[in-house]
Amino acid sequence: MNIPLLRRLREARGVFIPLAELGTDLGRVRGELDELEAFGFVLERHPYRGVAYQGPAGQFCPDQIEFELDTQRVGRRVAVWSRVTSTNDLAARASGSSANDGLVILAEEQSAGRGRRGRSWMAPAGSSLLMSVLLFPPATLASAGWLTALGAVGTAEVVAASTGRDARIKWPNDVRVDGRKIAGVLVERGPGAIIGIGLNANLARDDFPGALRESATSLRILLGEPVDRSELARALIRRLDHWYELGRSQGPETLATPWRNRSEHLGQTVRVTTPSAELVGHLDDLDLLQGLTLTLPEGLRHHVPLRDLLALGPADAGPDDAGTPGRSGG
């Protein structure tokens, strides 16, 4: 597939380009356009004006995702599946060999995706970005908390860049816009570490179950039009690779500031659950490596180490609003 040709058409943003400007061998150009249309890209052809790009393919395009990706580790290989039980399951099968470090698995549909508190993560085929990344991190980056933050920060940055909206991280593993969940992260361990990400891309409001229509959103809802999921996957792979390589070269603290700055809870009155107590106070600080600092109602400051943090949410949170570790997206 001629990806430079596809890129040129996309960059014209619907403006017609004469065939003669796309190549001197018009027969070859027409054949390459036929190939793009056969894959699912929407093109408009005119006998005199040429061809104009009208929309992305409905399915993931591996060539489009991998072309000049230029990442160091994440995305060394990209595997796209039509239907799987869970992308995390496939990544787990590949984790027996460190040669698969950086493998990215994408699926159009999954039948047994895992969500928070054991709930299923279901979406209509072709509507979401369902991704798992297999890594073999050094010991300094191997904690589930750091890897969850990696997935959440990378996803939040891509959502913000795509929509121009503020994307926040609801501790520990949800990405939300205007208080509505748009993505979740699930980290699982085996011989390697697997970061599973589920991002609502092209779901319409009616695609969500009734109970979720007021608490969830998608890029399509925010933008008012469908998004190119291949470009979305490409952008997310790059952001994950950026932060992972920075962590490898400079240490895990490099992720602390972007993670803290996107916290939905910082500066709010929150309820914190530890093994020994439940605390309510003002969240003064949230450190990726050290834990959180609260100001309690009586004015005392209290530090909760990250290892003791069982749940964190708004002070008036119900069970569905209180964050609990490591459950969403794979």
Protein backbone atom coordinates (compact mmCIF):
# COMPACT_ATOMS: atom_id res chain seq x y z
CA MET A 1 0.00 0.00 0.00
CA ASN A 2 1.33 3.42 -0.99
CA ILE A 3 1.33 5.25 2.34
CA PRO A 4 3.12 8.41 1.04
CA LEU A 5 0.28 8.74 -1.48
CA LEU A 6 -2.29 8.27 1.28
CA ARG A 7 -0.54 10.85 3.42
CA ARG A 8 -0.51 13.41 0.62
CA LEU A 9 -4.22 12.93 0.02
CA ARG A 10 -4.99 13.22 3.75
CA GLU A 11 -2.95 16.40 4.10
CA ALA A 12 -4.95 18.04 1.29
CA ARG A 13 -7.99 17.87 3.61
CA GLY A 14 -10.61 17.11 0.99
CA VAL A 15 -9.17 19.29 -1.78
CA PHE A 16 -8.92 17.58 -5.15
CA ILE A 17 -5.45 16.77 -6.43
CA PRO A 18 -4.99 16.21 -10.21
CA LEU A 19 -3.76 12.69 -11.00
CA ALA A 20 -0.81 14.13 -12.92
CA GLU A 21 0.45 15.64 -9.65
CA LEU A 22 0.40 12.24 -7.98
CA GLY A 23 2.74 10.53 -10.46
CA THR A 24 3.80 10.33 -14.07
CA ASP A 25 2.53 6.76 -14.52
CA LEU A 26 -1.21 7.38 -14.39
CA GLY A 27 -2.02 3.69 -14.68
CA ARG A 28 0.06 2.97 -11.58
CA VAL A 29 -1.51 5.90 -9.70
CA ARG A 30 -5.00 4.62 -10.49
CA GLY A 31 -4.02 1.14 -9.34
CA GLU A 32 -2.71 2.50 -6.04
CA LEU A 33 -5.90 4.50 -5.56
CA ASP A 34 -7.90 1.33 -6.25
CA GLU A 35 -5.89 -0.44 -3.54
CA LEU A 36 -6.61 2.30 -1.00
CA GLU A 37 -10.33 2.18 -1.79
CA ALA A 38 -10.38 -1.61 -1.63
CA PHE A 39 -8.93 -1.44 1.89
CA GLY A 40 -11.66 0.97 2.93
CA PHE A 41 -10.30 4.51 2.57
CA VAL A 42 -12.98 6.88 1.25
CA LEU A 43 -11.86 8.73 -1.87
CA GLU A 44 -13.78 10.89 -4.32
CA ARG A 45 -12.66 10.82 -7.93
CA HIS A 46 -13.48 13.35 -10.63
CA PRO A 47 -12.62 12.97 -14.33
CA TYR A 48 -11.06 16.44 -14.53
CA ARG A 49 -10.29 17.56 -10.99
CA GLY A 50 -8.54 14.39 -9.81
CA VAL A 51 -9.01 12.72 -6.45
CA ALA A 52 -9.87 13.93 -2.95
CA TYR A 53 -9.57 12.17 0.41
CA GLN A 54 -12.92 11.93 2.19
CA GLY A 55 -12.35 9.64 5.16
CA PRO A 56 -10.30 6.92 6.86
CA ALA A 57 -10.70 3.20 6.52
CA GLY A 58 -13.08 1.68 9.02
CA GLN A 59 -10.45 -0.87 10.06
CA PHE A 60 -6.95 -0.44 11.45
CA CYS A 61 -4.32 -0.08 8.73
CA PRO A 62 -0.98 -1.59 9.91
CA ASP A 63 0.95 0.07 7.07
CA GLN A 64 -0.43 3.48 8.03
CA ILE A 65 0.39 2.93 11.71
CA GLU A 66 3.95 1.70 11.17
CA PHE A 67 5.08 3.98 8.32
CA GLU A 68 8.00 6.11 9.59
CA LEU A 69 6.86 5.49 13.17
CA ASP A 70 10.43 6.09 14.41
CA THR A 71 9.98 4.81 17.96
CA GLN A 72 12.75 3.30 20.06
CA ARG A 73 10.92 0.37 21.61
CA VAL A 74 7.13 0.58 21.76
CA GLY A 75 5.81 -0.37 18.34
CA ARG A 76 8.82 -2.31 17.13
CA ARG A 77 6.15 -4.73 15.95
CA VAL A 78 2.46 -4.01 15.53
CA ALA A 79 -0.01 -6.90 15.26
CA VAL A 80 -3.62 -6.22 14.29
CA TRP A 81 -6.37 -8.78 14.94
CA SER A 82 -10.01 -8.76 13.91
CA ARG A 83 -11.51 -10.39 17.02
CA VAL A 84 -9.83 -11.64 20.19
CA THR A 85 -10.85 -12.58 23.71
CA SER A 86 -8.60 -9.81 25.05
CA THR A 87 -5.55 -8.01 23.68
CA ASN A 88 -3.92 -8.56 27.09
CA ASP A 89 -4.40 -12.31 26.65
CA LEU A 90 -2.50 -12.26 23.35
CA ALA A 91 0.26 -10.14 24.85
CA ALA A 92 0.55 -12.62 27.72
CA ARG A 93 1.09 -15.44 25.23
CA ALA A 94 3.88 -13.45 23.59
CA SER A 95 5.54 -12.65 26.92
CA GLY A 96 7.50 -15.88 26.98
CA SER A 97 10.19 -14.26 24.84
CA SER A 98 11.93 -10.95 25.53
CA ALA A 99 12.37 -10.67 21.75
CA ASN A 100 8.77 -9.40 21.82
CA ASP A 101 9.71 -6.36 23.92
CA GLY A 102 7.74 -3.40 22.59
CA LEU A 103 5.12 -5.52 20.79
CA VAL A 104 1.82 -3.66 20.28
CA ILE A 105 -1.36 -5.66 19.80
CA LEU A 106 -4.50 -4.01 18.43
CA ALA A 107 -7.92 -5.55 17.93
CA GLU A 108 -11.06 -4.44 16.17
CA GLU A 109 -13.18 -6.29 18.71
CA GLN A 110 -12.67 -8.29 21.90
CA SER A 111 -15.12 -10.75 23.42
CA ALA A 112 -13.74 -10.91 26.96
CA GLY A 113 -12.03 -7.61 27.65
CA ARG A 114 -11.51 -6.97 31.34
CA GLY A 115 -12.65 -3.80 33.04
CA ARG A 116 -12.56 -2.35 36.50
CA ARG A 117 -13.66 -4.61 39.39
CA GLY A 118 -13.88 -7.57 37.03
CA ARG A 119 -16.45 -5.95 34.75
CA SER A 120 -16.29 -6.66 31.05
CA TRP A 121 -14.93 -4.10 28.59
CA MET A 122 -17.18 -4.38 25.55
CA ALA A 123 -17.55 -2.17 22.49
CA PRO A 124 -19.02 -2.52 18.99
CA ALA A 125 -16.50 -3.83 16.46
CA GLY A 126 -14.35 -1.08 14.98
CA SER A 127 -15.49 1.57 17.44
CA SER A 128 -12.62 1.72 19.94
CA LEU A 129 -8.89 1.65 20.29
CA LEU A 130 -8.17 -1.67 22.01
CA MET A 131 -4.43 -1.91 22.58
CA SER A 132 -1.95 -3.90 24.65
CA VAL A 133 1.77 -3.16 24.89
CA LEU A 134 4.23 -5.83 26.02
CA LEU A 135 7.34 -4.56 27.80
CA PHE A 136 10.23 -6.04 29.74
CA PRO A 137 11.03 -3.03 31.93
CA PRO A 138 14.07 -2.58 34.18
CA ALA A 139 13.40 -3.01 37.90
CA THR A 140 13.11 0.77 38.39
CA LEU A 141 10.09 0.92 36.04
CA ALA A 142 8.52 -2.44 36.81
CA SER A 143 5.89 -1.42 39.38
CA ALA A 144 2.26 -1.67 38.33
CA GLY A 145 1.72 1.89 39.58
CA TRP A 146 4.39 3.38 37.29
CA LEU A 147 3.25 1.37 34.27
CA THR A 148 -0.38 2.36 34.89
CA ALA A 149 0.70 6.00 35.05
CA LEU A 150 2.60 5.54 31.79
CA GLY A 151 -0.54 4.29 30.05
CA ALA A 152 -2.75 6.96 31.61
CA VAL A 153 -0.45 9.91 30.86
CA GLY A 154 0.17 8.82 27.26
CA THR A 155 -3.55 8.30 26.67
CA ALA A 156 -4.52 11.60 28.32
CA GLU A 157 -2.01 13.48 26.16
CA VAL A 158 -3.38 11.93 22.96
CA VAL A 159 -6.98 12.69 23.99
CA ALA A 160 -6.07 16.30 24.79
CA ALA A 161 -4.18 16.73 21.51
CA SER A 162 -7.03 15.20 19.51
CA THR A 163 -9.83 17.23 21.09
CA GLY A 164 -8.28 20.41 22.48
CA ARG A 165 -9.97 19.51 25.77
CA ASP A 166 -8.45 18.98 29.19
CA ALA A 167 -8.01 15.25 29.81
CA ARG A 168 -7.63 14.24 33.46
CA ILE A 169 -6.51 11.07 35.24
CA LYS A 170 -8.91 9.72 37.85
CA TRP A 171 -6.66 7.71 40.15
CA PRO A 172 -5.37 5.26 39.35
CA ASN A 173 -6.31 4.17 35.86
CA ASP A 174 -9.15 6.12 34.24
CA VAL A 175 -8.82 9.01 31.78
CA ARG A 176 -11.75 11.42 31.84
CA VAL A 177 -12.92 14.56 30.06
CA ASP A 178 -15.36 16.83 31.89
CA GLY A 179 -15.83 14.09 34.49
CA ARG A 180 -16.76 11.44 31.91
CA LYS A 181 -14.63 8.37 31.33
CA ILE A 182 -13.06 8.09 27.89
CA ALA A 183 -10.35 5.50 28.55
CA GLY A 184 -9.07 2.96 31.05
CA VAL A 185 -5.75 1.22 31.68
CA LEU A 186 -5.15 -2.29 32.98
CA VAL A 187 -1.62 -3.48 33.82
CA GLU A 188 -1.02 -7.21 34.17
CA ARG A 189 2.19 -9.06 34.97
CA GLY A 190 3.76 -12.27 33.77
CA PRO A 191 7.22 -12.86 32.38
CA GLY A 192 6.83 -9.32 31.08
CA ALA A 193 4.58 -6.35 31.82
CA ILE A 194 1.43 -5.74 29.80
CA ILE A 195 -0.24 -2.35 29.55
CA GLY A 196 -3.80 -2.72 28.27
CA ILE A 197 -5.59 0.41 27.09
CA GLY A 198 -9.20 0.81 26.03
CA LEU A 199 -10.00 4.21 24.48
CA ASN A 200 -13.49 5.16 23.32
CA ALA A 201 -12.90 6.41 19.80
CA ASN A 202 -15.92 6.27 17.49
CA LEU A 203 -18.72 5.29 19.84
CA ALA A 204 -21.90 7.34 19.52
CA ARG A 205 -23.96 8.18 22.57
CA ASP A 206 -26.44 5.40 21.80
CA ASP A 207 -23.62 2.83 21.67
CA PHE A 208 -23.19 3.09 25.43
CA PRO A 209 -25.49 1.13 27.74
CA GLY A 210 -28.09 3.39 29.29
CA ALA A 211 -26.39 3.42 32.68
CA LEU A 212 -23.16 4.75 31.15
CA ARG A 213 -24.47 7.46 28.84
CA GLU A 214 -24.05 10.16 31.46
CA SER A 215 -20.70 8.92 32.81
CA ALA A 216 -18.81 7.99 29.63
CA THR A 217 -17.81 9.77 26.45
CA SER A 218 -15.80 9.24 23.26
CA LEU A 219 -13.66 11.18 20.83
CA ARG A 220 -16.48 11.10 18.31
CA ILE A 221 -18.89 12.64 20.81
CA LEU A 222 -16.40 15.34 21.78
CA LEU A 223 -15.44 16.20 18.20
CA GLY A 224 -18.79 15.72 16.52
CA GLU A 225 -17.27 13.43 13.88
CA PRO A 226 -15.47 10.07 13.63
CA VAL A 227 -11.70 9.89 14.10
CA ASP A 228 -9.03 7.97 12.21
CA ARG A 229 -8.23 5.14 14.61
CA SER A 230 -4.99 4.25 12.79
CA GLU A 231 -3.66 7.77 13.34
CA LEU A 232 -4.90 7.59 16.92
CA ALA A 233 -3.00 4.33 17.53
CA ARG A 234 0.09 5.82 15.89
CA ALA A 235 -0.03 8.88 18.16
CA LEU A 236 -0.52 6.79 21.30
CA ILE A 237 2.35 4.44 20.46
CA ARG A 238 4.63 7.45 20.06
CA ARG A 239 3.62 9.02 23.38
CA LEU A 240 4.06 5.74 25.26
CA ASP A 241 7.47 5.24 23.69
CA HIS A 242 8.50 8.81 24.56
CA TRP A 243 7.74 8.48 28.27
CA TYR A 244 9.04 4.93 28.53
CA GLU A 245 12.40 5.78 26.98
CA LEU A 246 12.65 8.89 29.14
CA GLY A 247 12.01 6.72 32.20
CA ARG A 248 14.67 4.24 31.09
CA SER A 249 17.29 6.93 30.56
CA GLN A 250 16.48 9.38 33.38
CA GLY A 251 14.55 7.38 35.95
CA PRO A 252 10.90 6.87 36.96
CA GLU A 253 10.55 10.37 38.42
CA THR A 254 10.40 11.83 34.88
CA LEU A 255 6.74 10.78 34.73
CA ALA A 256 5.85 12.23 38.14
CA THR A 257 5.11 15.82 37.08
CA PRO A 258 2.93 15.10 34.03
CA TRP A 259 1.04 12.49 36.04
CA ARG A 260 0.53 14.87 38.98
CA ASN A 261 -0.51 17.75 36.70
CA ARG A 262 -3.27 15.66 35.14
CA SER A 263 -4.69 14.40 38.43
CA GLU A 264 -8.43 14.92 38.71
CA HIS A 265 -8.23 14.82 42.51
CA LEU A 266 -5.42 17.26 43.30
CA GLY A 267 -6.61 20.28 45.26
CA GLN A 268 -9.96 18.69 46.13
CA THR A 269 -11.47 17.26 49.26
CA VAL A 270 -11.07 13.51 48.93
CA ARG A 271 -11.73 10.25 50.74
CA VAL A 272 -8.70 7.98 51.13
CA THR A 273 -8.80 4.35 52.18
CA THR A 274 -5.77 2.65 53.71
CA PRO A 275 -5.44 -0.79 55.34
CA SER A 276 -5.98 0.78 58.76
CA ALA A 277 -8.24 3.81 58.25
CA GLU A 278 -10.49 5.89 56.06
CA LEU A 279 -9.47 9.55 55.86
CA VAL A 280 -11.16 12.66 54.49
CA GLY A 281 -9.11 15.75 53.78
CA HIS A 282 -7.78 18.23 51.24
CA LEU A 283 -5.41 16.58 48.74
CA ASP A 284 -2.33 18.82 48.85
CA ASP A 285 0.05 16.67 46.85
CA LEU A 286 0.10 13.43 44.89
CA ASP A 287 3.49 11.91 44.16
CA LEU A 288 3.86 8.98 41.79
CA LEU A 289 6.67 7.45 43.84
CA GLN A 290 6.03 8.62 47.40
CA GLY A 291 2.25 8.74 47.83
CA LEU A 292 -0.09 11.56 48.81
CA THR A 293 -0.31 14.32 51.39
CA LEU A 294 -3.61 15.36 52.96
CA THR A 295 -4.64 18.23 55.18
CA LEU A 296 -7.17 16.77 57.61
CA PRO A 297 -10.18 18.76 58.90
CA GLU A 298 -8.39 19.53 62.17
CA GLY A 299 -5.54 21.12 60.22
CA LEU A 300 -2.99 18.31 60.56
CA ARG A 301 -1.06 17.20 57.49
CA HIS A 302 -0.98 13.47 56.90
CA HIS A 303 1.18 11.47 54.49
CA VAL A 304 -0.07 8.20 52.97
CA PRO A 305 2.62 6.05 51.32
CA LEU A 306 1.68 4.75 47.92
CA ARG A 307 1.90 1.14 49.13
CA ASP A 308 -0.88 1.85 51.66
CA LEU A 309 -3.24 3.59 49.24
CA LEU A 310 -6.21 1.30 48.61
CA ALA A 311 -8.75 3.79 47.25
CA LEU A 312 -8.93 7.48 46.42
CA GLY A 313 -11.94 9.47 45.30
CA PRO A 314 -14.11 12.50 46.02
CA ALA A 315 -15.21 12.83 49.63
CA ASP A 316 -18.84 12.16 48.65
CA ALA A 317 -17.94 9.30 46.28
CA GLY A 318 -20.09 6.23 45.97
CA PRO A 319 -18.64 2.81 45.19
CA ASP A 320 -18.41 3.52 41.44
CA ASP A 321 -16.55 6.81 41.96
CA ALA A 322 -13.86 5.70 44.40
CA GLY A 323 -10.69 4.80 42.53
CA THR A 324 -9.25 1.36 43.20
CA PRO A 325 -5.99 0.10 41.74
CA GLY A 326 -5.35 -1.55 38.43
CA ARG A 327 -8.72 -2.28 36.84
CA SER A 328 -9.66 -1.04 33.40
CA GLY A 329 -9.07 -1.48 29.75
CA GLY A 330 -7.27 -4.70 28.74
